[in-house]
Amino acid sequence: MPTVPSSTDPVRLPTGYRGQIPSVRATGGVPATGASLPAWHPVEVRRAWDDTAHLVRFSIGTVRNPKVLPIVLGVLSVITLAAWVGPLFSPLAGDADTIAFDTLLLLPSLMIGFLGLTIASGIASGGGRELLSKENAAAFPVSATTDHFGALLLAPFNIAWMLQSWFLLGAASFAMGLSAFPYLQTLMVLWILTTTVLAQAVAWWVEVVRRGPGGVWVVRGIGLALAALAAWIQLSGHTGDVFDAAPTLEVVAAGVQGFSPAFVLAVVAMLAITVVSLYLGGWAANVAARRSTHDEAKAETRHHQPSPNPRTVTAMLRRLDRASVWRAVPMRRGITVLAVGPGLVALAGGLPWENVMILPGLVVSGGVLLFGVNAWSLDGRGGLWRESLPVDAGKVFDVRAWVMTEWLLLACAITLLLASVRAGTPTGAELLAVAVTVAVVTLQVVAVAMTWSVRKPFAVNLRSARATPAPPSVMVGYSAKLALSTTLTAMVFSTTASIVVQTGGPFWIVLAEAVPFVVWSGVRLRRARRAWVDPIRRAAVVTTVAA
């Protein structure tokens, strides 16, 4: 059957061709004469962009309820506008004698933290998220340039990226108020854009190294060396000197000065970095596409020594679920970024405990997006075999929820441990508020994730380092809902703890405030369990994820 050429088909132009770049959809390609074009020739880029547009429309078309997508995008826009403009209405905004000045001093460090977290997220996902899965790409191949464009488009639809962007824009608005709002915010938006494209390029080049000879150990060695360097800088007391030497300080200063040569230079420099990073990222994506993935191949071919049989059925189920999580490449990489990334940001910025309390919401939301929103997809085709075992369905549900809880609590513990290095010794109310916040948001997220897993299962392959547990358009909605709910919950307990500390009120207020959250999450979790125990509903879930 003749079809329109995709971006993987070689493009050849007639000798001496100087005409307008043709549209792939309109003309069906260019005559196949002459030499092949490089990956970043304008014709190739146009074809890759056309394929990306097709994939975006196809992804939007897979949404089961199309009416929900505009609502989700509208909510995200409203939250972004609120984070951007809302701090301007604070009476302390732009006041040099209040906490606004301290926020201005921390702004360069927050910008560096955003860069580091975005790079780490791209590296953990093996070059960025997939707009087209490997299984579909086998039948409908697209070029590596198309893959690069798709990963860039999906980068903002990440809960860590969203929260950090909102926080960065809000901090800039609060720090200067209306005095330098258009100039400082212009540089903040450009910084977010530049950082995203640069991080994508770095992630692709790391993936090129990782897929080379001995690349896995090279990448691990570089990571350990950077961690050791960061530890030495922190212990030697040079953290402030390093951040002061970063170019983000000049960017913030240029925004504060308003329209000036420094402002124009900052804008031109960031735009140039964006263009160069876009080219280098596409180049690296094409190089990486010609190499095999060592981590995934090792996970597929590795032999595991069988362990002695556990004494109870629950222990056996727990072992199976833990193995399915920890042996998956995206899970191991993702938990590392989610646990270490926010902790390092808090460590670099020296966040106090009232701000550290916001981090558990970020960590558990990101952790559950790795697999929890489609928890039964971990079994894949093995779900059919597991359903044939004489095991109580309720027990299977309980163990899966417990393993997910272990996963999230481990990530929270690492994050809080790193953040506590510079946060100081917490008061009794702050310590209690942190513990309650972790417990509440974890239970809240687990209940929501298990509900979604039973209600909306998807057939996905989580063996790929770039896989997501649901289609990209669905993940947008999941990220927005989780980001909003967990952030607001964490802010409630953070505010309560601050009031208790300032007024000397009783600690039991924090515990009493957690009761309605725990009760409602317990009700949702019980409903999800009842739905899973229903054999008809369970059969629909298993056959879907095993497809």
Protein backbone atom coordinates (compact mmCIF):
# COMPACT_ATOMS: atom_id res chain seq x y z
CA MET A 1 0.00 0.00 0.00
CA PRO A 2 1.58 3.36 -0.96
CA THR A 3 1.84 5.79 1.94
CA VAL A 4 3.21 9.26 2.55
CA PRO A 5 6.94 9.02 3.35
CA SER A 6 7.78 9.26 7.04
CA SER A 7 10.75 11.06 8.52
CA THR A 8 12.74 7.80 8.39
CA ASP A 9 12.61 7.61 4.59
CA PRO A 10 15.75 9.01 2.93
CA VAL A 11 15.19 12.39 1.34
CA ARG A 12 16.99 13.12 -1.93
CA LEU A 13 16.91 16.39 -3.77
CA PRO A 14 17.71 16.94 -7.45
CA THR A 15 21.14 18.34 -8.13
CA GLY A 16 21.11 22.10 -7.83
CA TYR A 17 17.66 22.16 -6.15
CA ARG A 18 16.93 25.65 -4.79
CA GLY A 19 13.15 25.61 -4.52
CA GLN A 20 10.91 26.02 -1.48
CA ILE A 21 10.92 23.21 1.06
CA PRO A 22 7.97 21.04 0.06
CA SER A 23 5.28 19.86 2.44
CA VAL A 24 5.34 16.13 3.05
CA ARG A 25 1.57 15.96 3.41
CA ALA A 26 0.88 17.97 0.27
CA THR A 27 3.35 16.46 -2.19
CA GLY A 28 4.19 13.08 -0.68
CA GLY A 29 7.90 13.80 -0.54
CA VAL A 30 10.69 14.91 -2.86
CA PRO A 31 11.91 13.07 -5.97
CA ALA A 32 14.43 10.41 -4.97
CA THR A 33 17.38 11.66 -6.96
CA GLY A 34 20.64 13.13 -5.83
CA ALA A 35 22.55 12.73 -2.57
CA SER A 36 20.90 11.93 0.78
CA LEU A 37 20.42 14.83 3.14
CA PRO A 38 21.87 15.09 6.64
CA ALA A 39 19.57 14.80 9.63
CA TRP A 40 19.51 18.57 10.25
CA HIS A 41 18.95 19.73 6.69
CA PRO A 42 15.87 22.05 6.56
CA VAL A 43 13.95 19.48 4.52
CA GLU A 44 14.65 16.75 7.09
CA VAL A 45 13.70 19.05 9.95
CA ARG A 46 10.45 19.96 8.18
CA ARG A 47 9.58 16.29 7.69
CA ALA A 48 10.44 15.49 11.31
CA TRP A 49 8.29 18.36 12.51
CA ASP A 50 5.39 17.16 10.34
CA ASP A 51 5.69 13.70 11.87
CA THR A 52 5.78 15.22 15.35
CA ALA A 53 2.57 17.13 14.63
CA HIS A 54 0.93 13.89 13.44
CA LEU A 55 2.03 12.09 16.60
CA VAL A 56 0.70 14.87 18.83
CA ARG A 57 -2.70 14.73 17.12
CA PHE A 58 -2.69 10.94 17.37
CA SER A 59 -1.84 11.10 21.07
CA ILE A 60 -4.62 13.60 21.71
CA GLY A 61 -6.99 11.32 19.82
CA THR A 62 -6.26 8.43 22.20
CA VAL A 63 -7.78 10.31 25.16
CA ARG A 64 -10.82 8.32 26.23
CA ASN A 65 -12.73 11.43 27.26
CA PRO A 66 -11.73 14.27 24.90
CA LYS A 67 -13.69 16.82 26.93
CA VAL A 68 -11.31 16.41 29.85
CA LEU A 69 -8.16 17.57 28.02
CA PRO A 70 -9.24 21.22 27.55
CA ILE A 71 -10.24 21.32 31.21
CA VAL A 72 -6.84 20.01 32.30
CA LEU A 73 -4.98 22.46 30.08
CA GLY A 74 -7.19 25.26 31.38
CA VAL A 75 -6.44 24.33 34.99
CA LEU A 76 -2.72 24.26 34.26
CA SER A 77 -2.96 27.69 32.65
CA VAL A 78 -4.84 29.10 35.63
CA ILE A 79 -2.31 27.68 38.08
CA THR A 80 0.57 29.07 36.03
CA LEU A 81 -1.07 32.51 35.90
CA ALA A 82 -1.73 32.40 39.64
CA ALA A 83 1.87 31.44 40.40
CA TRP A 84 3.09 34.16 38.08
CA VAL A 85 0.86 37.07 39.09
CA GLY A 86 -0.44 36.04 42.53
CA PRO A 87 2.68 37.02 44.54
CA LEU A 88 2.38 40.58 43.22
CA PHE A 89 -0.66 41.13 45.45
CA SER A 90 1.32 40.36 48.59
CA PRO A 91 1.99 43.51 50.68
CA LEU A 92 5.59 42.33 51.10
CA ALA A 93 6.28 41.90 47.38
CA GLY A 94 9.29 43.91 46.27
CA ASP A 95 10.01 45.24 49.78
CA ALA A 96 13.77 45.36 50.26
CA ASP A 97 13.44 45.24 54.05
CA THR A 98 11.45 42.00 54.24
CA ILE A 99 11.67 38.39 53.14
CA ALA A 100 11.26 39.55 49.53
CA PHE A 101 14.91 40.62 49.51
CA ASP A 102 15.97 37.22 50.84
CA THR A 103 13.98 35.62 48.01
CA LEU A 104 15.83 37.79 45.52
CA LEU A 105 19.15 36.62 46.94
CA LEU A 106 18.05 32.97 46.63
CA LEU A 107 16.77 33.37 43.06
CA PRO A 108 20.12 32.56 41.33
CA SER A 109 20.42 29.40 43.43
CA LEU A 110 16.86 28.38 42.57
CA MET A 111 17.67 28.82 38.88
CA ILE A 112 20.66 26.50 39.22
CA GLY A 113 18.51 24.00 41.08
CA PHE A 114 15.97 24.04 38.26
CA LEU A 115 18.73 23.40 35.73
CA GLY A 116 20.16 20.51 37.73
CA LEU A 117 16.78 18.89 38.33
CA THR A 118 15.80 19.17 34.65
CA ILE A 119 19.09 17.63 33.52
CA ALA A 120 18.77 14.81 36.04
CA SER A 121 15.19 14.11 34.93
CA GLY A 122 16.23 13.89 31.27
CA ILE A 123 19.17 11.63 32.06
CA ALA A 124 17.02 9.32 34.19
CA SER A 125 14.50 8.91 31.38
CA GLY A 126 17.17 7.99 28.85
CA GLY A 127 16.90 11.13 26.76
CA GLY A 128 13.35 12.21 27.55
CA ARG A 129 9.89 10.72 27.41
CA GLU A 130 8.60 8.91 24.34
CA LEU A 131 5.91 10.47 22.19
CA LEU A 132 5.72 7.14 20.36
CA SER A 133 6.46 3.88 22.18
CA LYS A 134 8.98 1.36 20.88
CA GLU A 135 6.28 -1.17 20.06
CA ASN A 136 4.41 1.29 17.84
CA ALA A 137 7.65 2.64 16.38
CA ALA A 138 8.49 -0.85 15.12
CA ALA A 139 5.51 -0.71 12.77
CA PHE A 140 5.47 3.06 12.22
CA PRO A 141 9.09 4.21 12.49
CA VAL A 142 10.00 7.85 12.95
CA SER A 143 13.37 9.52 12.80
CA ALA A 144 15.53 10.32 15.81
CA THR A 145 14.95 14.01 15.11
CA THR A 146 11.21 13.43 15.47
CA ASP A 147 11.91 11.58 18.71
CA HIS A 148 13.93 14.57 19.91
CA PHE A 149 11.12 17.02 19.12
CA GLY A 150 8.61 14.78 20.86
CA ALA A 151 10.74 14.52 24.00
CA LEU A 152 11.05 18.32 24.12
CA LEU A 153 7.29 18.76 23.84
CA LEU A 154 6.71 16.30 26.67
CA ALA A 155 9.36 17.79 28.99
CA PRO A 156 7.01 20.43 30.50
CA PHE A 157 4.37 17.79 31.28
CA ASN A 158 6.38 16.57 34.23
CA ILE A 159 5.32 17.26 37.78
CA ALA A 160 8.82 18.23 38.90
CA TRP A 161 9.20 20.60 35.94
CA MET A 162 5.79 22.16 36.61
CA LEU A 163 6.30 22.77 40.31
CA GLN A 164 9.80 24.13 39.88
CA SER A 165 8.66 26.46 37.08
CA TRP A 166 5.75 27.76 39.14
CA PHE A 167 8.02 28.26 42.12
CA LEU A 168 10.64 30.07 40.02
CA LEU A 169 8.12 32.43 38.41
CA GLY A 170 6.40 33.10 41.72
CA ALA A 171 9.68 33.78 43.51
CA ALA A 172 10.71 36.28 40.84
CA SER A 173 7.37 38.08 41.10
CA PHE A 174 7.52 38.23 44.89
CA ALA A 175 11.17 39.31 45.00
CA MET A 176 10.84 42.47 42.88
CA GLY A 177 7.11 43.16 42.67
CA LEU A 178 6.05 45.45 39.84
CA SER A 179 9.27 47.46 39.75
CA ALA A 180 11.09 45.12 37.36
CA PHE A 181 8.31 42.63 36.57
CA PRO A 182 8.43 42.60 32.72
CA TYR A 183 12.21 42.42 32.50
CA LEU A 184 12.92 39.90 35.27
CA GLN A 185 10.02 37.68 34.21
CA THR A 186 11.17 37.76 30.59
CA LEU A 187 14.54 36.43 31.68
CA MET A 188 12.90 33.81 33.93
CA VAL A 189 10.75 32.52 31.06
CA LEU A 190 13.76 32.45 28.76
CA TRP A 191 15.77 30.66 31.45
CA ILE A 192 13.08 27.97 31.74
CA LEU A 193 13.06 27.56 27.94
CA THR A 194 16.83 27.51 27.64
CA THR A 195 17.22 25.15 30.57
CA THR A 196 14.70 22.70 29.14
CA VAL A 197 16.37 22.55 25.72
CA LEU A 198 19.87 22.43 27.20
CA ALA A 199 18.90 19.66 29.62
CA GLN A 200 17.45 17.65 26.76
CA ALA A 201 20.70 17.97 24.81
CA VAL A 202 22.78 16.94 27.82
CA ALA A 203 20.48 13.96 28.42
CA TRP A 204 20.89 12.76 24.83
CA TRP A 205 24.68 13.05 24.98
CA VAL A 206 24.76 11.15 28.27
CA GLU A 207 22.65 8.49 26.58
CA VAL A 208 25.19 8.37 23.73
CA VAL A 209 27.97 7.72 26.26
CA ARG A 210 25.85 5.22 28.20
CA ARG A 211 25.18 3.19 25.04
CA GLY A 212 28.87 3.12 24.10
CA PRO A 213 31.54 0.61 25.19
CA GLY A 214 31.53 0.46 28.97
CA GLY A 215 29.19 3.43 28.94
CA VAL A 216 27.11 2.35 31.93
CA TRP A 217 30.14 2.36 34.23
CA VAL A 218 31.43 5.60 32.72
CA VAL A 219 28.13 7.36 33.47
CA ARG A 220 28.02 5.91 36.98
CA GLY A 221 31.59 6.97 37.60
CA ILE A 222 30.88 10.52 36.46
CA GLY A 223 27.80 10.61 38.67
CA LEU A 224 29.75 9.46 41.72
CA ALA A 225 32.50 11.97 40.99
CA LEU A 226 29.99 14.81 40.77
CA ALA A 227 28.35 13.67 44.01
CA ALA A 228 31.73 13.57 45.75
CA LEU A 229 32.56 17.03 44.41
CA ALA A 230 29.24 18.40 45.66
CA ALA A 231 29.84 16.85 49.09
CA TRP A 232 33.32 18.36 49.27
CA ILE A 233 32.02 21.80 48.30
CA GLN A 234 29.35 21.59 50.99
CA LEU A 235 31.65 20.31 53.74
CA SER A 236 34.40 22.80 52.90
CA GLY A 237 32.00 25.73 53.13
CA HIS A 238 32.45 26.83 49.51
CA THR A 239 28.80 26.44 48.51
CA GLY A 240 28.19 30.17 48.54
CA ASP A 241 31.31 30.84 46.46
CA VAL A 242 30.22 28.35 43.80
CA PHE A 243 26.75 29.82 43.51
CA ASP A 244 28.11 33.36 43.44
CA ALA A 245 30.33 32.40 40.51
CA ALA A 246 27.40 31.00 38.51
CA PRO A 247 26.11 33.08 35.54
CA THR A 248 22.60 33.07 37.03
CA LEU A 249 23.67 35.94 39.28
CA GLU A 250 24.32 38.11 36.22
CA VAL A 251 20.97 37.06 34.72
CA VAL A 252 19.07 38.16 37.83
CA ALA A 253 21.06 41.40 38.02
CA ALA A 254 20.22 42.13 34.38
CA GLY A 255 16.52 41.63 35.10
CA VAL A 256 16.64 43.90 38.15
CA GLN A 257 18.31 46.69 36.15
CA GLY A 258 15.48 46.78 33.62
CA PHE A 259 16.08 47.50 29.96
CA SER A 260 19.83 47.84 29.63
CA PRO A 261 22.76 46.42 27.64
CA ALA A 262 23.06 43.67 30.26
CA PHE A 263 19.40 42.74 29.72
CA VAL A 264 19.79 42.60 25.92
CA LEU A 265 22.99 40.56 26.27
CA ALA A 266 21.26 38.08 28.59
CA VAL A 267 18.34 37.66 26.17
CA VAL A 268 20.62 37.15 23.15
CA ALA A 269 22.87 34.72 25.05
CA MET A 270 19.99 32.53 26.21
CA LEU A 271 18.40 32.47 22.76
CA ALA A 272 21.74 31.47 21.23
CA ILE A 273 22.20 28.71 23.80
CA THR A 274 18.69 27.46 23.03
CA VAL A 275 19.35 27.24 19.28
CA VAL A 276 22.72 25.55 19.72
CA SER A 277 21.30 23.10 22.27
CA LEU A 278 18.44 22.25 19.95
CA TYR A 279 20.91 21.34 17.21
CA LEU A 280 23.28 19.41 19.50
CA GLY A 281 20.38 17.52 21.07
CA GLY A 282 19.09 16.41 17.68
CA TRP A 283 22.58 15.36 16.63
CA ALA A 284 23.02 13.31 19.79
CA ALA A 285 19.57 11.74 19.36
CA ASN A 286 20.57 10.49 15.90
CA VAL A 287 23.84 9.08 17.27
CA ALA A 288 22.09 7.37 20.19
CA ALA A 289 19.47 5.85 17.89
CA ARG A 290 22.21 3.85 16.16
CA ARG A 291 23.37 2.27 19.44
CA SER A 292 21.73 -0.39 21.60
CA THR A 293 20.64 0.23 25.18
CA HIS A 294 22.87 -1.72 27.58
CA ASP A 295 20.74 -1.32 30.71
CA GLU A 296 17.57 -2.58 29.09
CA ALA A 297 19.35 -5.45 27.35
CA LYS A 298 20.96 -6.49 30.63
CA ALA A 299 17.63 -6.41 32.42
CA GLU A 300 16.08 -8.59 29.72
CA THR A 301 18.85 -11.21 29.62
CA ARG A 302 20.08 -11.34 33.22
CA HIS A 303 19.72 -14.58 35.21
CA HIS A 304 18.46 -14.40 38.79
CA GLN A 305 19.28 -17.06 41.35
CA PRO A 306 16.03 -18.38 42.84
CA SER A 307 15.57 -17.66 46.54
CA PRO A 308 14.01 -19.98 49.13
CA ASN A 309 10.24 -19.96 49.12
CA PRO A 310 8.73 -17.54 51.67
CA ARG A 311 6.66 -18.95 54.48
CA THR A 312 3.49 -17.03 53.65
CA VAL A 313 1.58 -16.10 50.53
CA THR A 314 1.82 -12.41 51.44
CA ALA A 315 5.60 -12.61 51.59
CA MET A 316 5.70 -14.27 48.17
CA LEU A 317 3.46 -11.60 46.64
CA ARG A 318 5.57 -8.87 48.22
CA ARG A 319 8.75 -10.39 46.78
CA LEU A 320 7.24 -10.55 43.29
CA ASP A 321 6.05 -6.95 43.40
CA ARG A 322 9.31 -5.62 44.78
CA ALA A 323 11.28 -7.46 42.10
CA SER A 324 9.03 -6.13 39.34
CA VAL A 325 9.71 -2.58 40.55
CA TRP A 326 13.43 -2.69 41.32
CA ARG A 327 14.39 -4.67 38.22
CA ALA A 328 12.79 -2.13 35.90
CA VAL A 329 15.28 0.38 34.51
CA PRO A 330 12.97 3.44 34.56
CA MET A 331 12.02 2.72 38.18
CA ARG A 332 15.59 2.62 39.44
CA ARG A 333 16.59 5.75 37.56
CA GLY A 334 13.41 7.59 38.42
CA ILE A 335 13.58 6.95 42.15
CA THR A 336 17.15 8.22 42.20
CA VAL A 337 16.20 11.52 40.60
CA LEU A 338 13.06 11.98 42.68
CA ALA A 339 14.80 11.20 45.95
CA VAL A 340 18.04 13.08 45.38
CA GLY A 341 16.99 15.96 43.11
CA PRO A 342 14.62 17.93 45.41
CA GLY A 343 16.89 17.20 48.36
CA LEU A 344 19.85 18.74 46.56
CA VAL A 345 17.77 21.79 45.62
CA ALA A 346 16.81 22.25 49.27
CA LEU A 347 20.41 21.69 50.29
CA ALA A 348 21.72 24.25 47.80
CA GLY A 349 19.12 26.85 48.69
CA GLY A 350 19.30 26.24 52.44
CA LEU A 351 15.50 25.99 52.66
CA PRO A 352 14.02 26.23 56.18
CA TRP A 353 11.70 23.56 57.51
CA GLU A 354 8.52 25.44 56.62
CA ASN A 355 9.57 25.21 52.96
CA VAL A 356 11.00 21.70 53.25
CA MET A 357 7.50 20.50 54.17
CA ILE A 358 6.43 21.14 50.56
CA LEU A 359 8.94 18.60 49.22
CA PRO A 360 7.14 15.37 50.27
CA GLY A 361 4.22 16.30 48.04
CA LEU A 362 6.58 16.77 45.08
CA VAL A 363 8.43 13.52 45.75
CA VAL A 364 5.45 11.22 46.24
CA SER A 365 3.61 12.74 43.26
CA GLY A 366 6.59 12.18 41.00
CA GLY A 367 7.21 8.70 42.39
CA VAL A 368 3.68 7.51 41.81
CA LEU A 369 3.81 8.81 38.22
CA LEU A 370 6.59 6.32 37.49
CA PHE A 371 4.21 3.35 37.68
CA GLY A 372 1.59 3.83 40.40
CA VAL A 373 -1.10 5.48 38.26
CA ASN A 374 -1.22 2.21 36.27
CA ALA A 375 0.08 -0.14 38.96
CA TRP A 376 -1.11 -3.39 37.37
CA SER A 377 0.91 -2.70 34.22
CA LEU A 378 3.97 -3.94 36.16
CA ASP A 379 2.76 -7.49 35.56
CA GLY A 380 2.34 -7.03 31.81
CA ARG A 381 1.67 -10.34 30.13
CA GLY A 382 2.54 -12.06 33.38
CA GLY A 383 -0.72 -10.73 34.80
CA LEU A 384 -2.57 -13.57 33.10
CA TRP A 385 -0.35 -16.10 34.86
CA ARG A 386 -0.71 -14.37 38.23
CA GLU A 387 -4.49 -14.41 37.91
CA SER A 388 -4.37 -18.18 37.52
CA LEU A 389 -2.76 -18.60 40.95
CA PRO A 390 -5.00 -19.59 43.90
CA VAL A 391 -4.45 -16.31 45.75
CA ASP A 392 -7.06 -14.05 47.33
CA ALA A 393 -7.60 -10.97 45.13
CA GLY A 394 -7.86 -8.66 48.12
CA LYS A 395 -4.46 -9.81 49.34
CA VAL A 396 -2.94 -9.07 45.92
CA PHE A 397 -4.35 -5.53 46.10
CA ASP A 398 -3.07 -4.99 49.64
CA VAL A 399 0.47 -6.09 48.77
CA ARG A 400 0.62 -3.94 45.63
CA ALA A 401 -0.50 -0.87 47.61
CA TRP A 402 2.02 -1.66 50.36
CA VAL A 403 4.94 -2.00 47.94
CA MET A 404 3.98 1.33 46.37
CA THR A 405 3.93 2.90 49.84
CA GLU A 406 7.41 1.52 50.59
CA TRP A 407 8.67 3.00 47.34
CA LEU A 408 7.32 6.47 48.11
CA LEU A 409 8.42 6.51 51.76
CA LEU A 410 11.97 5.58 50.78
CA ALA A 411 12.14 8.47 48.32
CA CYS A 412 10.76 10.88 50.94
CA ALA A 413 13.26 9.72 53.55
CA ILE A 414 16.24 10.37 51.26
CA THR A 415 14.92 13.80 50.27
CA LEU A 416 14.30 14.91 53.85
CA LEU A 417 17.70 13.60 54.93
CA LEU A 418 19.45 15.75 52.35
CA ALA A 419 17.28 18.78 53.08
CA SER A 420 17.91 18.54 56.83
CA VAL A 421 21.64 19.20 56.40
CA ARG A 422 21.10 22.95 56.07
CA ALA A 423 17.56 23.28 57.41
CA GLY A 424 18.80 23.05 60.99
CA THR A 425 17.26 21.27 63.95
CA PRO A 426 13.46 21.25 63.65
CA THR A 427 11.18 22.19 66.51
CA GLY A 428 8.72 19.67 67.89
CA ALA A 429 5.86 21.14 65.88
CA GLU A 430 7.91 21.19 62.66
CA LEU A 431 9.07 17.60 63.13
CA LEU A 432 5.52 16.44 63.81
CA ALA A 433 4.22 18.41 60.82
CA VAL A 434 6.81 16.83 58.51
CA ALA A 435 5.95 13.32 59.69
CA VAL A 436 2.22 13.95 59.38
CA THR A 437 2.65 15.54 55.94
CA VAL A 438 4.62 12.55 54.66
CA ALA A 439 2.03 10.11 56.01
CA VAL A 440 -0.96 12.07 54.69
CA VAL A 441 0.32 12.79 51.17
CA THR A 442 1.62 9.22 50.79
CA LEU A 443 -1.75 7.73 51.78
CA GLN A 444 -3.52 10.30 49.62
CA VAL A 445 -1.42 9.52 46.54
CA VAL A 446 -1.57 5.74 47.00
CA ALA A 447 -5.37 5.87 47.27
CA VAL A 448 -5.66 8.01 44.15
CA ALA A 449 -3.17 5.87 42.19
CA MET A 450 -4.85 2.57 43.04
CA THR A 451 -8.22 4.07 42.08
CA TRP A 452 -6.90 5.19 38.70
CA SER A 453 -5.15 1.85 38.18
CA VAL A 454 -8.42 -0.05 38.52
CA ARG A 455 -10.59 2.49 36.74
CA LYS A 456 -8.32 3.36 33.78
CA PRO A 457 -5.77 0.61 32.99
CA PHE A 458 -3.47 0.92 29.98
CA ALA A 459 -1.39 -1.58 28.05
CA VAL A 460 2.17 -0.23 28.30
CA ASN A 461 5.65 -1.71 28.32
CA LEU A 462 7.55 -0.38 31.32
CA ARG A 463 10.76 -2.19 30.36
CA SER A 464 11.96 0.79 28.33
CA ALA A 465 13.85 3.49 30.22
CA ARG A 466 11.72 6.12 28.47
CA ALA A 467 8.35 4.48 29.04
CA THR A 468 5.44 6.07 30.91
CA PRO A 469 2.59 4.15 32.59
CA ALA A 470 -0.04 5.96 30.50
CA PRO A 471 -0.22 7.86 27.20
CA PRO A 472 1.33 11.35 27.26
CA SER A 473 -2.00 13.15 27.05
CA VAL A 474 -3.31 11.18 30.03
CA MET A 475 -0.12 11.80 32.01
CA VAL A 476 -0.73 15.55 31.63
CA GLY A 477 -3.98 15.24 33.53
CA TYR A 478 -2.48 12.95 36.15
CA SER A 479 0.44 15.34 36.74
CA ALA A 480 -1.84 18.36 37.10
CA LYS A 481 -4.19 16.66 39.55
CA LEU A 482 -1.43 15.25 41.71
CA ALA A 483 0.60 18.46 41.67
CA LEU A 484 -2.37 20.54 42.76
CA SER A 485 -3.69 18.19 45.46
CA THR A 486 -0.39 17.27 47.11
CA THR A 487 1.00 20.80 47.02
CA LEU A 488 -2.11 22.25 48.63
CA THR A 489 -2.09 19.49 51.25
CA ALA A 490 1.56 20.12 52.10
CA MET A 491 0.92 23.87 52.28
CA VAL A 492 -1.93 23.32 54.74
CA PHE A 493 0.31 21.44 57.18
CA SER A 494 3.23 23.81 56.63
CA THR A 495 1.04 26.81 57.47
CA THR A 496 -0.40 25.10 60.52
CA ALA A 497 3.04 24.19 61.83
CA SER A 498 4.26 27.78 61.37
CA ILE A 499 1.25 29.12 63.29
CA VAL A 500 1.78 26.59 66.09
CA VAL A 501 5.47 27.54 66.36
CA GLN A 502 4.80 31.28 66.38
CA THR A 503 1.88 31.17 68.83
CA GLY A 504 3.10 28.33 71.01
CA GLY A 505 -0.11 26.38 70.42
CA PRO A 506 -0.59 22.68 71.17
CA PHE A 507 0.93 20.08 68.83
CA TRP A 508 -2.25 18.01 68.68
CA ILE A 509 -3.75 20.55 66.27
CA VAL A 510 -1.52 19.17 63.51
CA LEU A 511 -2.73 15.62 64.23
CA ALA A 512 -6.35 16.69 64.35
CA GLU A 513 -5.98 18.42 61.01
CA ALA A 514 -4.74 15.17 59.45
CA VAL A 515 -7.81 13.15 60.47
CA PRO A 516 -10.14 14.20 57.60
CA PHE A 517 -7.39 13.65 55.03
CA VAL A 518 -6.65 10.16 56.36
CA VAL A 519 -10.32 9.20 56.55
CA TRP A 520 -11.09 10.32 53.02
CA SER A 521 -8.00 8.58 51.60
CA GLY A 522 -8.95 5.41 53.46
CA VAL A 523 -12.44 5.53 51.96
CA ARG A 524 -11.00 5.90 48.44
CA LEU A 525 -8.56 3.09 48.99
CA ARG A 526 -11.31 0.82 50.24
CA ARG A 527 -13.45 1.61 47.19
CA ALA A 528 -10.57 0.80 44.87
CA ARG A 529 -10.01 -2.49 46.69
CA ARG A 530 -13.68 -3.39 46.37
CA ALA A 531 -13.55 -2.68 42.63
CA TRP A 532 -10.44 -4.86 42.21
CA VAL A 533 -11.98 -7.76 44.10
CA ASP A 534 -14.92 -7.75 41.68
CA PRO A 535 -13.98 -10.55 39.21
CA ILE A 536 -15.52 -8.84 36.19
CA ARG A 537 -13.67 -5.57 36.79
CA ARG A 538 -10.44 -7.40 37.61
CA ALA A 539 -10.66 -9.42 34.40
CA ALA A 540 -11.01 -6.20 32.39
CA VAL A 541 -7.94 -4.71 34.08
CA VAL A 542 -5.77 -7.82 33.62
CA THR A 543 -6.69 -8.35 29.98
CA THR A 544 -6.01 -4.67 29.26
CA VAL A 545 -2.55 -4.47 30.80
CA ALA A 546 -1.58 -7.87 29.33
CA ALA A 547 -2.56 -6.88 25.79
